[in-house]
């Protein structure tokens, strides 16, 4: 899935879109997605000016966006102005390695279960072979009026 398809499926836009490409997707099971981390990211101006590091919360957000793509695909849902996808919880988040400009962050997210619009995922992000972040994510899909 390229950036044009991702933009049709996710409501996020620059500077908050954290998925550049989907490398693999197994419907209802797992997704593998990519975020190219550039020195031009706006958060690097303040985090940290002399040693730029991607904030951990944004690594979690990148995993959640990949999870949303997996959930939309599994449910056969096309996003519209009335469909909203929210974080509902994060458990066991661990940060193992800093992510710096020039890194490629690869997110692999597995769907653990889905019930009544609530989805539970297990995710891991890597830079090369090294784990950068891992967590369990809970998200919910809601229709707003």
C-alpha atoms as a PDB file:
ATOM      1  CA  UNK A   1       0.000   0.000   0.000  1.00  0.00           C
ATOM      2  CA  UNK A   2       1.605   3.274  -1.059  1.00  0.00           C
ATOM      3  CA  UNK A   3       1.174   6.751   0.423  1.00  0.00           C
ATOM      4  CA  UNK A   4      -1.774   7.580  -1.869  1.00  0.00           C
ATOM      5  CA  UNK A   5      -3.747   4.577  -0.606  1.00  0.00           C
ATOM      6  CA  UNK A   6      -2.771   5.350   3.003  1.00  0.00           C
ATOM      7  CA  UNK A   7      -4.055   8.934   2.647  1.00  0.00           C
ATOM      8  CA  UNK A   8      -7.412   7.545   1.498  1.00  0.00           C
ATOM      9  CA  UNK A   9      -7.647   5.300   4.570  1.00  0.00           C
ATOM     10  CA  UNK A  10      -6.251   7.443   7.410  1.00  0.00           C
ATOM     11  CA  UNK A  11      -7.541  10.895   8.407  1.00  0.00           C
ATOM     12  CA  UNK A  12      -4.063  12.012   9.576  1.00  0.00           C
ATOM     13  CA  UNK A  13      -2.082  14.560   7.578  1.00  0.00           C
ATOM     14  CA  UNK A  14       1.330  16.199   7.816  1.00  0.00           C
ATOM     15  CA  UNK A  15       2.869  16.637  10.305  1.00  0.00           C
ATOM     16  CA  UNK A  16       0.979  13.872  12.120  1.00  0.00           C
ATOM     17  CA  UNK A  17       0.825  11.127   9.484  1.00  0.00           C
ATOM     18  CA  UNK A  18       3.307   8.496  10.720  1.00  0.00           C
ATOM     19  CA  UNK A  19       2.985   5.758   8.067  1.00  0.00           C
ATOM     20  CA  UNK A  20       4.754   6.185   4.722  1.00  0.00           C
ATOM     21  CA  UNK A  21       4.178   2.721   3.246  1.00  0.00           C
ATOM     22  CA  UNK A  22       2.593  -0.631   4.078  1.00  0.00           C
ATOM     23  CA  UNK A  23       5.063  -3.405   3.306  1.00  0.00           C
ATOM     24  CA  UNK A  24       2.856  -6.406   4.138  1.00  0.00           C
ATOM     25  CA  UNK A  25      -0.676  -6.995   5.312  1.00  0.00           C
ATOM     26  CA  UNK A  26      -2.409 -10.221   6.239  1.00  0.00           C
ATOM     27  CA  UNK A  27      -6.112  -9.464   6.536  1.00  0.00           C
ATOM     28  CA  UNK A  28      -7.275  -9.636  10.130  1.00  0.00           C
ATOM     29  CA  UNK A  29      -3.895 -10.825  11.395  1.00  0.00           C
ATOM     30  CA  UNK A  30      -0.913  -8.519  10.949  1.00  0.00           C
ATOM     31  CA  UNK A  31       0.528  -5.513   9.209  1.00  0.00           C
ATOM     32  CA  UNK A  32       4.079  -4.389   8.560  1.00  0.00           C
ATOM     33  CA  UNK A  33       4.474  -0.674   7.823  1.00  0.00           C
ATOM     34  CA  UNK A  34       7.289   1.824   7.380  1.00  0.00           C
ATOM     35  CA  UNK A  35       8.000   5.346   8.643  1.00  0.00           C
ATOM     36  CA  UNK A  36      11.022   7.133   7.162  1.00  0.00           C
ATOM     37  CA  UNK A  37      12.404   9.356   9.909  1.00  0.00           C
ATOM     38  CA  UNK A  38      13.825  12.594   8.493  1.00  0.00           C
ATOM     39  CA  UNK A  39      15.711  15.445  10.170  1.00  0.00           C
ATOM     40  CA  UNK A  40      12.941  17.659   8.730  1.00  0.00           C
ATOM     41  CA  UNK A  41      10.373  16.255  11.188  1.00  0.00           C
ATOM     42  CA  UNK A  42       9.022  19.244  13.166  1.00  0.00           C
ATOM     43  CA  UNK A  43       9.448  17.537  16.563  1.00  0.00           C
ATOM     44  CA  UNK A  44      13.240  17.391  16.151  1.00  0.00           C
ATOM     45  CA  UNK A  45      13.471  21.181  16.611  1.00  0.00           C
ATOM     46  CA  UNK A  46      12.766  20.742  20.314  1.00  0.00           C
ATOM     47  CA  UNK A  47      13.449  17.048  21.013  1.00  0.00           C
ATOM     48  CA  UNK A  48      16.403  17.549  21.332  1.00  0.00           C
ATOM     49  CA  UNK A  49      18.151  20.380  19.456  1.00  0.00           C
ATOM     50  CA  UNK A  50      21.650  18.961  20.073  1.00  0.00           C
ATOM     51  CA  UNK A  51      20.766  15.255  19.927  1.00  0.00           C
ATOM     52  CA  UNK A  52      17.560  14.711  17.898  1.00  0.00           C
ATOM     53  CA  UNK A  53      15.533  11.705  19.083  1.00  0.00           C
ATOM     54  CA  UNK A  54      12.018  10.678  17.992  1.00  0.00           C
ATOM     55  CA  UNK A  55       9.680  10.949  21.004  1.00  0.00           C
ATOM     56  CA  UNK A  56       8.466   7.585  22.302  1.00  0.00           C
ATOM     57  CA  UNK A  57       4.864   8.704  22.212  1.00  0.00           C
ATOM     58  CA  UNK A  58       5.207   9.238  18.450  1.00  0.00           C
ATOM     59  CA  UNK A  59       6.558   5.715  18.004  1.00  0.00           C
ATOM     60  CA  UNK A  60       3.389   4.524  19.763  1.00  0.00           C
ATOM     61  CA  UNK A  61       1.294   6.770  17.505  1.00  0.00           C
ATOM     62  CA  UNK A  62       2.991   5.283  14.423  1.00  0.00           C
ATOM     63  CA  UNK A  63       2.090   1.779  15.661  1.00  0.00           C
ATOM     64  CA  UNK A  64      -1.486   2.905  16.321  1.00  0.00           C
ATOM     65  CA  UNK A  65      -1.817   4.300  12.798  1.00  0.00           C
ATOM     66  CA  UNK A  66      -0.558   1.003  11.362  1.00  0.00           C
ATOM     67  CA  UNK A  67      -3.050  -0.780  13.655  1.00  0.00           C
ATOM     68  CA  UNK A  68      -5.847   1.438  12.304  1.00  0.00           C
ATOM     69  CA  UNK A  69      -4.977   0.414   8.744  1.00  0.00           C
ATOM     70  CA  UNK A  70      -5.115  -3.236   9.823  1.00  0.00           C
ATOM     71  CA  UNK A  71      -8.448  -2.747  11.625  1.00  0.00           C
ATOM     72  CA  UNK A  72     -10.038  -0.896   8.693  1.00  0.00           C
ATOM     73  CA  UNK A  73      -8.868  -3.650   6.343  1.00  0.00           C
ATOM     74  CA  UNK A  74     -10.113  -6.443   8.654  1.00  0.00           C
ATOM     75  CA  UNK A  75     -13.513  -4.792   9.112  1.00  0.00           C
ATOM     76  CA  UNK A  76     -13.826  -3.864   5.444  1.00  0.00           C
ATOM     77  CA  UNK A  77     -14.430  -0.252   6.507  1.00  0.00           C
ATOM     78  CA  UNK A  78     -13.683   2.780   4.397  1.00  0.00           C
ATOM     79  CA  UNK A  79     -13.013   5.871   6.458  1.00  0.00           C
ATOM     80  CA  UNK A  80     -15.464   8.745   6.146  1.00  0.00           C
ATOM     81  CA  UNK A  81     -16.214  11.918   8.091  1.00  0.00           C
ATOM     82  CA  UNK A  82     -18.236   9.928  10.619  1.00  0.00           C
ATOM     83  CA  UNK A  83     -15.749   7.152  11.394  1.00  0.00           C
ATOM     84  CA  UNK A  84     -13.228   7.928  14.128  1.00  0.00           C
ATOM     85  CA  UNK A  85     -10.484   5.675  15.447  1.00  0.00           C
ATOM     86  CA  UNK A  86      -9.214   6.406  18.968  1.00  0.00           C
ATOM     87  CA  UNK A  87      -6.544   5.112  21.316  1.00  0.00           C
ATOM     88  CA  UNK A  88      -8.258   3.407  24.265  1.00  0.00           C
ATOM     89  CA  UNK A  89      -5.190   2.133  26.119  1.00  0.00           C
ATOM     90  CA  UNK A  90      -1.509   1.318  26.058  1.00  0.00           C
ATOM     91  CA  UNK A  91       0.035  -1.442  28.156  1.00  0.00           C
ATOM     92  CA  UNK A  92       3.580  -2.688  28.561  1.00  0.00           C
ATOM     93  CA  UNK A  93       5.216   0.052  26.502  1.00  0.00           C
ATOM     94  CA  UNK A  94       8.976  -0.366  26.459  1.00  0.00           C
ATOM     95  CA  UNK A  95      11.537   1.746  24.642  1.00  0.00           C
ATOM     96  CA  UNK A  96      14.705  -0.147  23.808  1.00  0.00           C
ATOM     97  CA  UNK A  97      16.607   2.049  21.367  1.00  0.00           C
ATOM     98  CA  UNK A  98      16.510   5.716  20.357  1.00  0.00           C
ATOM     99  CA  UNK A  99      15.190   6.515  16.882  1.00  0.00           C
ATOM    100  CA  UNK A 100      17.206   9.204  15.134  1.00  0.00           C
ATOM    101  CA  UNK A 101      17.057  11.099  11.842  1.00  0.00           C
ATOM    102  CA  UNK A 102      17.883   8.836   8.917  1.00  0.00           C
ATOM    103  CA  UNK A 103      16.407   5.728  10.561  1.00  0.00           C
ATOM    104  CA  UNK A 104      13.646   3.663   8.986  1.00  0.00           C
ATOM    105  CA  UNK A 105      11.111   2.699  11.615  1.00  0.00           C
ATOM    106  CA  UNK A 106       9.385  -0.576  10.724  1.00  0.00           C
ATOM    107  CA  UNK A 107       6.180  -1.240  12.672  1.00  0.00           C
ATOM    108  CA  UNK A 108       4.805  -4.756  12.904  1.00  0.00           C
ATOM    109  CA  UNK A 109       1.383  -4.964  14.512  1.00  0.00           C
ATOM    110  CA  UNK A 110      -0.628  -8.106  15.239  1.00  0.00           C
ATOM    111  CA  UNK A 111      -4.380  -8.136  15.847  1.00  0.00           C
ATOM    112  CA  UNK A 112      -4.940  -9.972  19.124  1.00  0.00           C
ATOM    113  CA  UNK A 113      -8.734  -9.631  19.260  1.00  0.00           C
ATOM    114  CA  UNK A 114     -11.666  -7.506  18.119  1.00  0.00           C
ATOM    115  CA  UNK A 115     -15.047  -7.215  19.843  1.00  0.00           C
ATOM    116  CA  UNK A 116     -17.811  -4.611  19.623  1.00  0.00           C
ATOM    117  CA  UNK A 117     -15.600  -2.041  17.897  1.00  0.00           C
ATOM    118  CA  UNK A 118     -12.742  -2.460  20.382  1.00  0.00           C
ATOM    119  CA  UNK A 119      -9.466  -3.823  19.042  1.00  0.00           C
ATOM    120  CA  UNK A 120      -6.452  -5.135  20.946  1.00  0.00           C
ATOM    121  CA  UNK A 121      -3.052  -5.290  19.239  1.00  0.00           C
ATOM    122  CA  UNK A 122       0.513  -6.278  20.006  1.00  0.00           C
ATOM    123  CA  UNK A 123       3.113  -4.186  18.260  1.00  0.00           C
ATOM    124  CA  UNK A 124       6.831  -3.854  17.881  1.00  0.00           C
ATOM    125  CA  UNK A 125       8.881  -1.244  16.049  1.00  0.00           C
ATOM    126  CA  UNK A 126      12.355  -1.934  14.766  1.00  0.00           C
ATOM    127  CA  UNK A 127      15.228  -0.069  13.205  1.00  0.00           C
ATOM    128  CA  UNK A 128      17.038  -2.705  11.206  1.00  0.00           C
ATOM    129  CA  UNK A 129      17.166  -5.794  13.431  1.00  0.00           C
ATOM    130  CA  UNK A 130      17.033  -3.789  16.689  1.00  0.00           C
ATOM    131  CA  UNK A 131      13.791  -3.367  18.642  1.00  0.00           C
ATOM    132  CA  UNK A 132      13.070   0.312  19.262  1.00  0.00           C
ATOM    133  CA  UNK A 133       9.679   0.042  20.968  1.00  0.00           C
ATOM    134  CA  UNK A 134       7.080  -2.564  21.881  1.00  0.00           C
ATOM    135  CA  UNK A 135       3.615  -2.266  23.406  1.00  0.00           C
ATOM    136  CA  UNK A 136       0.090  -3.617  23.592  1.00  0.00           C
ATOM    137  CA  UNK A 137      -2.418  -1.190  22.128  1.00  0.00           C
ATOM    138  CA  UNK A 138      -6.161  -0.961  22.565  1.00  0.00           C
ATOM    139  CA  UNK A 139      -8.108   1.132  20.073  1.00  0.00           C
ATOM    140  CA  UNK A 140     -11.748   1.738  19.322  1.00  0.00           C
ATOM    141  CA  UNK A 141     -13.623   2.573  16.165  1.00  0.00           C
ATOM    142  CA  UNK A 142     -16.669   4.774  16.604  1.00  0.00           C
ATOM    143  CA  UNK A 143     -19.220   6.434  14.357  1.00  0.00           C
ATOM    144  CA  UNK A 144     -19.974  10.005  15.341  1.00  0.00           C
ATOM    145  CA  UNK A 145     -23.014  12.024  14.354  1.00  0.00           C
END
